PDB file of N, CA and C in Angstrom:
ATOM      1  N   MET A   1       0.662  -0.911   0.096  1.00  0.00           N
ATOM      2  CA  MET A   1      -0.151  -0.051  -0.116  1.00  0.00           C
ATOM      3  C   MET A   1       0.635   1.765  -0.204  1.00  0.00           C
ATOM      4  N   HIS A   2       0.359   2.516  -0.738  1.00  0.00           N
ATOM      5  CA  HIS A   2       1.504   3.470  -0.786  1.00  0.00           C
ATOM      6  C   HIS A   2       0.955   4.786   0.135  1.00  0.00           C
ATOM      7  N   PRO A   3       1.859   5.218   0.619  1.00  0.00           N
ATOM      8  CA  PRO A   3       1.756   6.436   1.440  1.00  0.00           C
ATOM      9  C   PRO A   3       0.224   7.493   0.412  1.00  0.00           C
ATOM     10  N   PRO A   4      -0.057   8.218   1.084  1.00  0.00           N
ATOM     11  CA  PRO A   4      -0.794   9.600   0.309  1.00  0.00           C
ATOM     12  C   PRO A   4      -0.052  10.319  -0.171  1.00  0.00           C
ATOM     13  N   ARG A   5       0.159  10.512  -1.663  1.00  0.00           N
ATOM     14  CA  ARG A   5       1.351  11.586  -2.014  1.00  0.00           C
ATOM     15  C   ARG A   5       0.850  12.875  -1.794  1.00  0.00           C
ATOM     16  N   HIS A   6       1.900  14.058  -1.756  1.00  0.00           N
ATOM     17  CA  HIS A   6       1.341  15.082  -1.297  1.00  0.00           C
ATOM     18  C   HIS A   6       1.841  15.897  -3.027  1.00  0.00           C
ATOM     19  N   ALA A   7       1.478  17.257  -3.255  1.00  0.00           N
ATOM     20  CA  ALA A   7       1.930  18.124  -4.519  1.00  0.00           C
ATOM     21  C   ALA A   7       3.497  17.967  -4.222  1.00  0.00           C
ATOM     22  N   HIS A   8       4.275  18.275  -3.113  1.00  0.00           N
ATOM     23  CA  HIS A   8       5.638  18.693  -2.844  1.00  0.00           C
ATOM     24  C   HIS A   8       6.057  17.253  -3.223  1.00  0.00           C
ATOM     25  N   ASP A   9       6.002  16.451  -3.115  1.00  0.00           N
ATOM     26  CA  ASP A   9       6.448  15.027  -3.679  1.00  0.00           C
ATOM     27  C   ASP A   9       6.768  14.786  -5.084  1.00  0.00           C
ATOM     28  N   ASP A  10       6.419  15.596  -5.695  1.00  0.00           N
ATOM     29  CA  ASP A  10       6.806  15.263  -7.095  1.00  0.00           C
ATOM     30  C   ASP A  10       6.613  16.658  -7.942  1.00  0.00           C
ATOM     31  N   PRO A  11       8.071  16.789  -7.993  1.00  0.00           N
ATOM     32  CA  PRO A  11       8.534  18.190  -8.585  1.00  0.00           C
ATOM     33  C   PRO A  11       8.503  18.057 -10.440  1.00  0.00           C
ATOM     34  N   ALA A  12       8.583  17.042 -10.587  1.00  0.00           N
ATOM     35  CA  ALA A  12       8.619  16.863 -12.230  1.00  0.00           C
ATOM     36  C   ALA A  12       7.002  17.209 -12.379  1.00  0.00           C
ATOM     37  N   GLY A  13       5.763  16.786 -11.483  1.00  0.00           N
ATOM     38  CA  GLY A  13       4.557  16.811 -11.972  1.00  0.00           C
ATOM     39  C   GLY A  13       4.324  18.029 -11.681  1.00  0.00           C
ATOM     40  N   ASP A  14       5.089  19.160 -10.725  1.00  0.00           N
ATOM     41  CA  ASP A  14       4.516  20.756 -11.004  1.00  0.00           C
ATOM     42  C   ASP A  14       5.227  21.274 -11.792  1.00  0.00           C
ATOM     43  N   VAL A  15       6.369  21.068 -12.639  1.00  0.00           N
ATOM     44  CA  VAL A  15       6.558  21.608 -14.122  1.00  0.00           C
ATOM     45  C   VAL A  15       6.013  21.193 -14.969  1.00  0.00           C
ATOM     46  N   VAL A  16       5.167  19.721 -15.278  1.00  0.00           N
ATOM     47  CA  VAL A  16       4.541  19.561 -15.948  1.00  0.00           C
ATOM     48  C   VAL A  16       3.231  20.229 -15.911  1.00  0.00           C
ATOM     49  N   ARG A  17       2.794  20.712 -14.437  1.00  0.00           N
ATOM     50  CA  ARG A  17       1.493  21.477 -14.522  1.00  0.00           C
ATOM     51  C   ARG A  17       2.086  22.898 -14.811  1.00  0.00           C
ATOM     52  N   TRP A  18       2.552  23.532 -14.619  1.00  0.00           N
ATOM     53  CA  TRP A  18       3.146  24.830 -15.056  1.00  0.00           C
ATOM     54  C   TRP A  18       3.015  24.824 -16.664  1.00  0.00           C
ATOM     55  N   ALA A  19       3.766  23.972 -17.425  1.00  0.00           N
ATOM     56  CA  ALA A  19       3.845  23.606 -18.603  1.00  0.00           C
ATOM     57  C   ALA A  19       2.554  23.851 -19.482  1.00  0.00           C
ATOM     58  N   ALA A  20       1.528  23.360 -18.632  1.00  0.00           N
ATOM     59  CA  ALA A  20       0.753  22.830 -19.367  1.00  0.00           C
ATOM     60  C   ALA A  20      -0.433  24.427 -19.219  1.00  0.00           C
ATOM     61  N   PHE A  21      -0.177  24.833 -17.884  1.00  0.00           N
ATOM     62  CA  PHE A  21      -1.063  26.018 -18.066  1.00  0.00           C
ATOM     63  C   PHE A  21      -0.409  27.173 -18.824  1.00  0.00           C
ATOM     64  N   SER A  22       0.926  27.271 -19.118  1.00  0.00           N
ATOM     65  CA  SER A  22       1.342  27.696 -20.171  1.00  0.00           C
ATOM     66  C   SER A  22       1.156  27.745 -21.863  1.00  0.00           C
ATOM     67  N   CYS A  23       0.938  26.223 -21.991  1.00  0.00           N
ATOM     68  CA  CYS A  23       0.072  26.355 -23.122  1.00  0.00           C
ATOM     69  C   CYS A  23      -0.858  26.406 -22.973  1.00  0.00           C
ATOM     70  N   LEU A  24      -2.174  26.874 -22.119  1.00  0.00           N
ATOM     71  CA  LEU A  24      -3.213  27.437 -22.239  1.00  0.00           C
ATOM     72  C   LEU A  24      -3.034  28.735 -22.333  1.00  0.00           C
ATOM     73  N   LEU A  25      -2.241  29.665 -21.338  1.00  0.00           N
ATOM     74  CA  LEU A  25      -2.023  30.827 -21.341  1.00  0.00           C
ATOM     75  C   LEU A  25      -1.589  31.368 -22.533  1.00  0.00           C
ATOM     76  N   VAL A  26      -0.373  31.116 -23.142  1.00  0.00           N
ATOM     77  CA  VAL A  26       0.365  32.032 -24.240  1.00  0.00           C
ATOM     78  C   VAL A  26      -0.523  32.062 -25.717  1.00  0.00           C
ATOM     79  N   PRO A  27      -1.403  31.051 -25.763  1.00  0.00           N
ATOM     80  CA  PRO A  27      -2.203  31.645 -27.142  1.00  0.00           C
ATOM     81  C   PRO A  27      -3.229  32.489 -26.850  1.00  0.00           C
ATOM     82  N   VAL A  28      -3.532  32.087 -25.607  1.00  0.00           N
ATOM     83  CA  VAL A  28      -4.823  33.549 -24.925  1.00  0.00           C
ATOM     84  C   VAL A  28      -3.823  34.869 -25.365  1.00  0.00           C
ATOM     85  N   VAL A  29      -3.031  34.986 -24.669  1.00  0.00           N
ATOM     86  CA  VAL A  29      -2.172  36.483 -24.415  1.00  0.00           C
ATOM     87  C   VAL A  29      -1.559  36.671 -26.366  1.00  0.00           C
ATOM     88  N   LEU A  30      -1.351  35.580 -26.885  1.00  0.00           N
ATOM     89  CA  LEU A  30      -0.897  36.119 -28.253  1.00  0.00           C
ATOM     90  C   LEU A  30      -1.940  36.576 -28.763  1.00  0.00           C
ATOM     91  N   VAL A  31      -3.454  36.173 -29.101  1.00  0.00           N
ATOM     92  CA  VAL A  31      -4.765  35.985 -29.179  1.00  0.00           C
ATOM     93  C   VAL A  31      -5.030  37.771 -29.279  1.00  0.00           C
ATOM     94  N   VAL A  32      -4.689  37.791 -27.833  1.00  0.00           N
ATOM     95  CA  VAL A  32      -4.893  39.415 -27.232  1.00  0.00           C
ATOM     96  C   VAL A  32      -4.404  40.575 -27.761  1.00  0.00           C
ATOM     97  N   TYR A  33      -2.929  40.246 -27.667  1.00  0.00           N
ATOM     98  CA  TYR A  33      -1.687  40.836 -28.333  1.00  0.00           C
ATOM     99  C   TYR A  33      -2.181  40.846 -30.443  1.00  0.00           C
ATOM    100  N   GLY A  34      -3.136  40.506 -30.870  1.00  0.00           N
ATOM    101  CA  GLY A  34      -3.066  40.836 -32.222  1.00  0.00           C
ATOM    102  C   GLY A  34      -2.316  39.388 -33.158  1.00  0.00           C
ATOM    103  N   THR A  35      -2.149  37.943 -32.673  1.00  0.00           N
ATOM    104  CA  THR A  35      -1.525  37.286 -33.391  1.00  0.00           C
ATOM    105  C   THR A  35      -2.941  36.884 -34.037  1.00  0.00           C
ATOM    106  N   SER A  36      -3.066  36.213 -35.126  1.00  0.00           N
ATOM    107  CA  SER A  36      -4.193  35.254 -35.446  1.00  0.00           C
ATOM    108  C   SER A  36      -3.925  34.096 -34.824  1.00  0.00           C
ATOM    109  N   PHE A  37      -5.285  33.607 -34.892  1.00  0.00           N
ATOM    110  CA  PHE A  37      -5.823  32.205 -34.480  1.00  0.00           C
ATOM    111  C   PHE A  37      -4.957  31.371 -34.748  1.00  0.00           C
ATOM    112  N   GLY A  38      -4.743  31.072 -36.027  1.00  0.00           N
ATOM    113  CA  GLY A  38      -3.705  30.341 -36.765  1.00  0.00           C
ATOM    114  C   GLY A  38      -2.091  30.724 -36.014  1.00  0.00           C
ATOM    115  N   GLY A  39      -1.954  31.237 -35.888  1.00  0.00           N
ATOM    116  CA  GLY A  39      -0.404  31.578 -35.431  1.00  0.00           C
ATOM    117  C   GLY A  39      -0.546  31.216 -33.866  1.00  0.00           C
ATOM    118  N   ALA A  40      -1.402  31.441 -33.159  1.00  0.00           N
ATOM    119  CA  ALA A  40      -1.778  31.280 -31.651  1.00  0.00           C
ATOM    120  C   ALA A  40      -1.735  29.350 -31.635  1.00  0.00           C
ATOM    121  N   ALA A  41      -2.475  28.630 -32.699  1.00  0.00           N
ATOM    122  CA  ALA A  41      -2.813  27.459 -32.705  1.00  0.00           C
ATOM    123  C   ALA A  41      -1.338  26.723 -32.776  1.00  0.00           C
ATOM    124  N   VAL A  42      -0.697  27.489 -34.183  1.00  0.00           N
ATOM    125  CA  VAL A  42       0.584  26.820 -34.404  1.00  0.00           C
ATOM    126  C   VAL A  42       1.474  26.747 -32.736  1.00  0.00           C
ATOM    127  N   ALA A  43       1.712  28.174 -32.448  1.00  0.00           N
ATOM    128  CA  ALA A  43       2.384  28.013 -31.012  1.00  0.00           C
ATOM    129  C   ALA A  43       2.019  27.235 -29.976  1.00  0.00           C
ATOM    130  N   THR A  44       0.802  26.892 -29.919  1.00  0.00           N
ATOM    131  CA  THR A  44       0.135  26.121 -29.119  1.00  0.00           C
ATOM    132  C   THR A  44       0.739  24.219 -29.424  1.00  0.00           C
ATOM    133  N   LEU A  45       0.537  24.230 -30.471  1.00  0.00           N
ATOM    134  CA  LEU A  45       1.175  23.144 -31.017  1.00  0.00           C
ATOM    135  C   LEU A  45       2.602  22.886 -30.389  1.00  0.00           C
ATOM    136  N   GLY A  46       3.424  23.670 -30.889  1.00  0.00           N
ATOM    137  CA  GLY A  46       4.705  23.718 -30.375  1.00  0.00           C
ATOM    138  C   GLY A  46       4.724  23.375 -28.860  1.00  0.00           C
ATOM    139  N   LEU A  47       4.354  24.006 -28.032  1.00  0.00           N
ATOM    140  CA  LEU A  47       4.291  24.218 -26.582  1.00  0.00           C
ATOM    141  C   LEU A  47       4.081  23.198 -25.979  1.00  0.00           C
ATOM    142  N   VAL A  48       3.108  22.342 -26.734  1.00  0.00           N
ATOM    143  CA  VAL A  48       2.781  21.159 -26.214  1.00  0.00           C
ATOM    144  C   VAL A  48       3.562  19.897 -26.827  1.00  0.00           C
ATOM    145  N   ALA A  49       4.035  20.242 -27.570  1.00  0.00           N
ATOM    146  CA  ALA A  49       5.210  19.180 -28.259  1.00  0.00           C
ATOM    147  C   ALA A  49       6.288  19.471 -27.413  1.00  0.00           C
ATOM    148  N   VAL A  50       7.255  20.444 -26.749  1.00  0.00           N
ATOM    149  CA  VAL A  50       7.789  20.414 -26.243  1.00  0.00           C
ATOM    150  C   VAL A  50       7.564  19.943 -25.195  1.00  0.00           C
ATOM    151  N   THR A  51       6.916  20.314 -24.219  1.00  0.00           N
ATOM    152  CA  THR A  51       6.042  20.116 -22.836  1.00  0.00           C
ATOM    153  C   THR A  51       6.035  18.511 -22.755  1.00  0.00           C
ATOM    154  N   ALA A  52       5.396  17.826 -23.687  1.00  0.00           N
ATOM    155  CA  ALA A  52       5.091  16.579 -23.996  1.00  0.00           C
ATOM    156  C   ALA A  52       6.755  15.696 -23.740  1.00  0.00           C
ATOM    157  N   ALA A  53       7.432  16.143 -24.452  1.00  0.00           N
ATOM    158  CA  ALA A  53       8.862  15.768 -24.999  1.00  0.00           C
ATOM    159  C   ALA A  53       9.886  16.186 -23.409  1.00  0.00           C
ATOM    160  N   CYS A  54       9.658  17.165 -22.797  1.00  0.00           N
ATOM    161  CA  CYS A  54      10.252  17.186 -21.629  1.00  0.00           C
ATOM    162  C   CYS A  54       9.471  16.370 -20.297  1.00  0.00           C
ATOM    163  N   ARG A  55       8.470  16.473 -20.369  1.00  0.00           N
ATOM    164  CA  ARG A  55       7.562  15.431 -19.346  1.00  0.00           C
ATOM    165  C   ARG A  55       7.894  13.933 -19.953  1.00  0.00           C
ATOM    166  N   ALA A  56       8.161  13.102 -20.863  1.00  0.00           N
ATOM    167  CA  ALA A  56       8.840  12.262 -21.095  1.00  0.00           C
ATOM    168  C   ALA A  56      10.088  11.733 -20.651  1.00  0.00           C
ATOM    169  N   MET A  57      11.047  12.747 -20.860  1.00  0.00           N
ATOM    170  CA  MET A  57      12.495  13.050 -20.408  1.00  0.00           C
ATOM    171  C   MET A  57      12.534  12.835 -18.759  1.00  0.00           C
ATOM    172  N   LEU A  58      11.621  13.875 -18.079  1.00  0.00           N
ATOM    173  CA  LEU A  58      11.846  14.213 -16.755  1.00  0.00           C
ATOM    174  C   LEU A  58      11.355  12.083 -15.941  1.00  0.00           C
ATOM    175  N   ARG A  59      10.377  11.805 -16.647  1.00  0.00           N
ATOM    176  CA  ARG A  59       9.852  10.574 -16.135  1.00  0.00           C
ATOM    177  C   ARG A  59      10.689   9.363 -16.168  1.00  0.00           C
ATOM    178  N   TYR A  60      11.415   9.238 -17.695  1.00  0.00           N
ATOM    179  CA  TYR A  60      12.207   8.631 -17.439  1.00  0.00           C
ATOM    180  C   TYR A  60      13.660   8.511 -16.551  1.00  0.00           C
ATOM    181  N   SER A  61      13.971   9.982 -16.536  1.00  0.00           N
ATOM    182  CA  SER A  61      15.366   9.983 -15.609  1.00  0.00           C
ATOM    183  C   SER A  61      14.602   9.889 -13.717  1.00  0.00           C
ATOM    184  N   GLU A  62      13.678  10.021 -13.656  1.00  0.00           N
ATOM    185  CA  GLU A  62      13.128   9.562 -12.517  1.00  0.00           C
ATOM    186  C   GLU A  62      13.180   7.917 -12.275  1.00  0.00           C
ATOM    187  N   LYS A  63      12.603   7.080 -13.116  1.00  0.00           N
ATOM    188  CA  LYS A  63      12.718   6.084 -13.240  1.00  0.00           C
ATOM    189  C   LYS A  63      14.332   5.231 -12.829  1.00  0.00           C
ATOM    190  N   ALA A  64      15.395   5.974 -14.261  1.00  0.00           N
ATOM    191  CA  ALA A  64      16.648   5.399 -14.081  1.00  0.00           C
ATOM    192  C   ALA A  64      16.935   5.776 -12.514  1.00  0.00           C
ATOM    193  N   GLU A  65      16.470   6.821 -12.210  1.00  0.00           N
ATOM    194  CA  GLU A  65      17.380   7.134 -10.335  1.00  0.00           C
ATOM    195  C   GLU A  65      16.983   5.929  -9.564  1.00  0.00           C
ATOM    196  N   ARG A  66      15.430   5.794  -9.524  1.00  0.00           N
ATOM    197  CA  ARG A  66      14.853   4.671  -8.632  1.00  0.00           C
ATOM    198  C   ARG A  66      15.460   3.481  -8.997  1.00  0.00           C
ATOM    199  N   ALA A  67      15.943   3.124 -10.399  1.00  0.00           N
ATOM    200  CA  ALA A  67      16.381   1.981 -10.555  1.00  0.00           C
ATOM    201  C   ALA A  67      17.812   1.813  -9.959  1.00  0.00           C
ATOM    202  N   SER A  68      18.518   2.766 -10.147  1.00  0.00           N
ATOM    203  CA  SER A  68      19.711   3.158  -9.438  1.00  0.00           C
ATOM    204  C   SER A  68      20.264   2.872  -8.020  1.00  0.00           C
ATOM    205  N   LEU A  69      19.262   3.375  -7.539  1.00  0.00           N
ATOM    206  CA  LEU A  69      19.099   3.537  -5.634  1.00  0.00           C
ATOM    207  C   LEU A  69      18.968   1.859  -5.424  1.00  0.00           C
ATOM    208  N   VAL A  70      17.857   1.184  -6.486  1.00  0.00           N
ATOM    209  CA  VAL A  70      17.468  -0.174  -6.052  1.00  0.00           C
ATOM    210  C   VAL A  70      19.026  -1.206  -5.846  1.00  0.00           C
ATOM    211  N   LEU A  71      19.385  -0.611  -7.441  1.00  0.00           N
ATOM    212  CA  LEU A  71      20.644  -1.719  -7.414  1.00  0.00           C
ATOM    213  C   LEU A  71      21.901  -1.070  -6.325  1.00  0.00           C
ATOM    214  N   ALA A  72      21.925  -0.032  -6.205  1.00  0.00           N
ATOM    215  CA  ALA A  72      22.912   0.672  -4.829  1.00  0.00           C
ATOM    216  C   ALA A  72      22.391  -0.512  -3.614  1.00  0.00           C
ATOM    217  N   GLU A  73      21.167  -0.606  -3.201  1.00  0.00           N
ATOM    218  CA  GLU A  73      20.453  -0.935  -2.112  1.00  0.00           C
ATOM    219  C   GLU A  73      21.357  -2.351  -2.066  1.00  0.00           C
ATOM    220  N   ASP A  74      20.676  -2.835  -3.612  1.00  0.00           N
ATOM    221  CA  ASP A  74      20.877  -4.620  -3.394  1.00  0.00           C
ATOM    222  C   ASP A  74      22.372  -4.889  -3.156  1.00  0.00           C
ATOM    223  N   ARG A  75      23.269  -4.003  -3.891  1.00  0.00           N
ATOM    224  CA  ARG A  75      24.570  -4.216  -3.412  1.00  0.00           C
ATOM    225  C   ARG A  75      25.639  -4.197  -1.727  1.00  0.00           C
ATOM    226  N   LEU A  76      24.729  -3.468  -0.995  1.00  0.00           N
ATOM    227  CA  LEU A  76      24.997  -3.383   0.361  1.00  0.00           C
ATOM    228  C   LEU A  76      24.643  -4.877   1.463  1.00  0.00           C
ATOM    229  N   PRO A  77      25.450  -4.753   1.777  1.00  0.00           N
ATOM    230  CA  PRO A  77      25.619  -6.105   2.661  1.00  0.00           C
ATOM    231  C   PRO A  77      24.300  -6.047   3.499  1.00  0.00           C
ATOM    232  N   PRO A  78      23.833  -7.163   3.862  1.00  0.00           N
ATOM    233  CA  PRO A  78      22.593  -7.146   4.605  1.00  0.00           C
ATOM    234  C   PRO A  78      22.308  -6.651   5.854  1.00  0.00           C
ATOM    235  N   GLY A  79      23.411  -6.180   6.776  1.00  0.00           N
ATOM    236  CA  GLY A  79      23.215  -5.843   7.635  1.00  0.00           C
ATOM    237  C   GLY A  79      23.405  -4.038   7.577  1.00  0.00           C
ATOM    238  N   ARG A  80      23.595  -3.508   6.015  1.00  0.00           N
ATOM    239  CA  ARG A  80      23.684  -2.235   6.037  1.00  0.00           C
ATOM    240  C   ARG A  80      22.593  -1.577   5.355  1.00  0.00           C
ATOM    241  N   ARG A  81      21.509  -2.605   4.701  1.00  0.00           N
ATOM    242  CA  ARG A  81      20.332  -1.702   4.236  1.00  0.00           C
ATOM    243  C   ARG A  81      19.655  -0.862   4.820  1.00  0.00           C
ATOM    244  N   ARG A  82      18.941   0.041   4.339  1.00  0.00           N
ATOM    245  CA  ARG A  82      17.881   0.753   4.840  1.00  0.00           C
ATOM    246  C   ARG A  82      18.412   1.917   6.100  1.00  0.00           C
ATOM    247  N   ARG A  83      19.613   2.225   5.927  1.00  0.00           N
ATOM    248  CA  ARG A  83      20.167   3.110   7.293  1.00  0.00           C
ATOM    249  C   ARG A  83      20.729   4.229   6.245  1.00  0.00           C
ATOM    250  N   HIS A  84      20.145   5.523   6.763  1.00  0.00           N
ATOM    251  CA  HIS A  84      20.108   6.740   6.043  1.00  0.00           C
ATOM    252  C   HIS A  84      21.901   7.219   6.960  1.00  0.00           C
ATOM    253  N   SER A  85      22.623   7.789   5.712  1.00  0.00           N
ATOM    254  CA  SER A  85      23.792   8.307   6.666  1.00  0.00           C
ATOM    255  C   SER A  85      23.572  10.225   7.075  1.00  0.00           C
ATOM    256  N   ARG A  86      24.335  10.528   7.911  1.00  0.00           N
ATOM    257  CA  ARG A  86      23.916  12.120   7.753  1.00  0.00           C
ATOM    258  C   ARG A  86      24.981  12.564   7.020  1.00  0.00           C
ATOM    259  N   ALA A  87      24.731  13.825   6.439  1.00  0.00           N
ATOM    260  CA  ALA A  87      25.686  14.633   5.822  1.00  0.00           C
ATOM    261  C   ALA A  87      26.454  15.382   6.807  1.00  0.00           C
ATOM    262  N   GLY A  88      27.922  15.042   6.346  1.00  0.00           N
ATOM    263  CA  GLY A  88      29.194  15.820   7.174  1.00  0.00           C
ATOM    264  C   GLY A  88      29.223  14.779   8.334  1.00  0.00           C
ATOM    265  N   SER A  89      29.036  13.980   8.536  1.00  0.00           N
ATOM    266  CA  SER A  89      29.529  13.067   9.743  1.00  0.00           C
ATOM    267  C   SER A  89      30.612  12.554   9.698  1.00  0.00           C
ATOM    268  N   GLY A  90      31.581  13.040   8.849  1.00  0.00           N
ATOM    269  CA  GLY A  90      33.028  12.831   8.506  1.00  0.00           C
ATOM    270  C   GLY A  90      34.052  12.135  10.143  1.00  0.00           C
ATOM    271  N   SER A  91      33.402  13.112  11.281  1.00  0.00           N
ATOM    272  CA  SER A  91      33.980  13.185  12.381  1.00  0.00           C
ATOM    273  C   SER A  91      33.762  11.881  13.106  1.00  0.00           C
ATOM    274  N   GLY A  92      32.986  10.925  12.639  1.00  0.00           N
ATOM    275  CA  GLY A  92      32.152   9.929  13.338  1.00  0.00           C
ATOM    276  C   GLY A  92      31.415  10.056  14.323  1.00  0.00           C
ATOM    277  N   GLY A  93      30.684  11.309  14.113  1.00  0.00           N
ATOM    278  CA  GLY A  93      29.731  11.888  14.916  1.00  0.00           C
ATOM    279  C   GLY A  93      30.179  12.248  16.383  1.00  0.00           C
ATOM    280  N   ARG A  94      31.395  13.087  16.725  1.00  0.00           N
ATOM    281  CA  ARG A  94      32.055  13.137  17.812  1.00  0.00           C
ATOM    282  C   ARG A  94      32.235  14.719  18.021  1.00  0.00           C
ATOM    283  N   GLY A  95      30.870  15.409  17.261  1.00  0.00           N
ATOM    284  CA  GLY A  95      30.714  16.829  17.760  1.00  0.00           C
ATOM    285  C   GLY A  95      31.401  18.008  16.670  1.00  0.00           C
ATOM    286  N   CYS A  96      31.841  18.539  17.071  1.00  0.00           N
ATOM    287  CA  CYS A  96      32.343  19.917  16.164  1.00  0.00           C
ATOM    288  C   CYS A  96      33.541  19.243  15.438  1.00  0.00           C
ATOM    289  N   HIS A  97      33.863  20.042  14.214  1.00  0.00           N
ATOM    290  CA  HIS A  97      34.607  20.291  13.090  1.00  0.00           C
ATOM    291  C   HIS A  97      35.494  21.198  13.629  1.00  0.00           C
ATOM    292  N   SER A  98      37.016  20.478  13.210  1.00  0.00           N
ATOM    293  CA  SER A  98      37.810  21.672  13.737  1.00  0.00           C
ATOM    294  C   SER A  98      38.463  22.123  12.521  1.00  0.00           C
ATOM    295  N   SER A  99      39.230  23.452  11.970  1.00  0.00           N
ATOM    296  CA  SER A  99      39.289  23.796  11.235  1.00  0.00           C
ATOM    297  C   SER A  99      40.732  23.282  10.550  1.00  0.00           C
ATOM    298  N   GLY A 100      41.210  22.586  11.208  1.00  0.00           N
ATOM    299  CA  GLY A 100      42.399  21.637  10.828  1.00  0.00           C
ATOM    300  C   GLY A 100      43.183  21.125  11.830  1.00  0.00           C
ATOM    301  N   GLY A 101      44.390  20.505  11.755  1.00  0.00           N
ATOM    302  CA  GLY A 101      44.740  19.873  12.715  1.00  0.00           C
ATOM    303  C   GLY A 101      44.139  18.860  13.555  1.00  0.00           C
ATOM    304  N   ILE A 102      44.664  17.996  14.528  1.00  0.00           N
ATOM    305  CA  ILE A 102      44.053  17.136  14.847  1.00  0.00           C
ATOM    306  C   ILE A 102      43.479  17.275  16.196  1.00  0.00           C
ATOM    307  N   SER A 103      42.373  16.664  16.608  1.00  0.00           N
ATOM    308  CA  SER A 103      41.705  17.272  17.643  1.00  0.00           C
ATOM    309  C   SER A 103      42.358  16.523  18.704  1.00  0.00           C
ATOM    310  N   PRO A 104      42.155  16.958  20.396  1.00  0.00           N
ATOM    311  CA  PRO A 104      42.010  15.963  21.244  1.00  0.00           C
ATOM    312  C   PRO A 104      41.619  14.528  21.334  1.00  0.00           C
ATOM    313  N   GLU A 105      40.457  14.519  20.351  1.00  0.00           N
ATOM    314  CA  GLU A 105      39.754  13.274  20.419  1.00  0.00           C
ATOM    315  C   GLU A 105      40.722  12.013  19.506  1.00  0.00           C
ATOM    316  N   ASP A 106      41.447  12.678  18.608  1.00  0.00           N
ATOM    317  CA  ASP A 106      41.917  11.632  17.434  1.00  0.00           C
ATOM    318  C   ASP A 106      42.881  11.005  18.193  1.00  0.00           C
TER     319      ASP A 106
END
């Protein structure tokens, strides 16, 4: 069972939604500012094509990232799976980092 999804969980979806909004807004603006309906239609088709291509590439990259994470997790020894490391824990979790030299704890 999947946890409920929130809008902030899908940044690629946000990009696609904004692009779809632009596909609707741009032709309206073009017609308001005097472009013919045909010109606005051509612009809309171009934007739709670019949006669809970008969406396909975003989804492909997300699938590739998920697959690489699964492969990386499968390569870990059984005792090391599903642990998350902290960024900047190079000191072994002993506290503050010094600007240089060896600390008394080393």
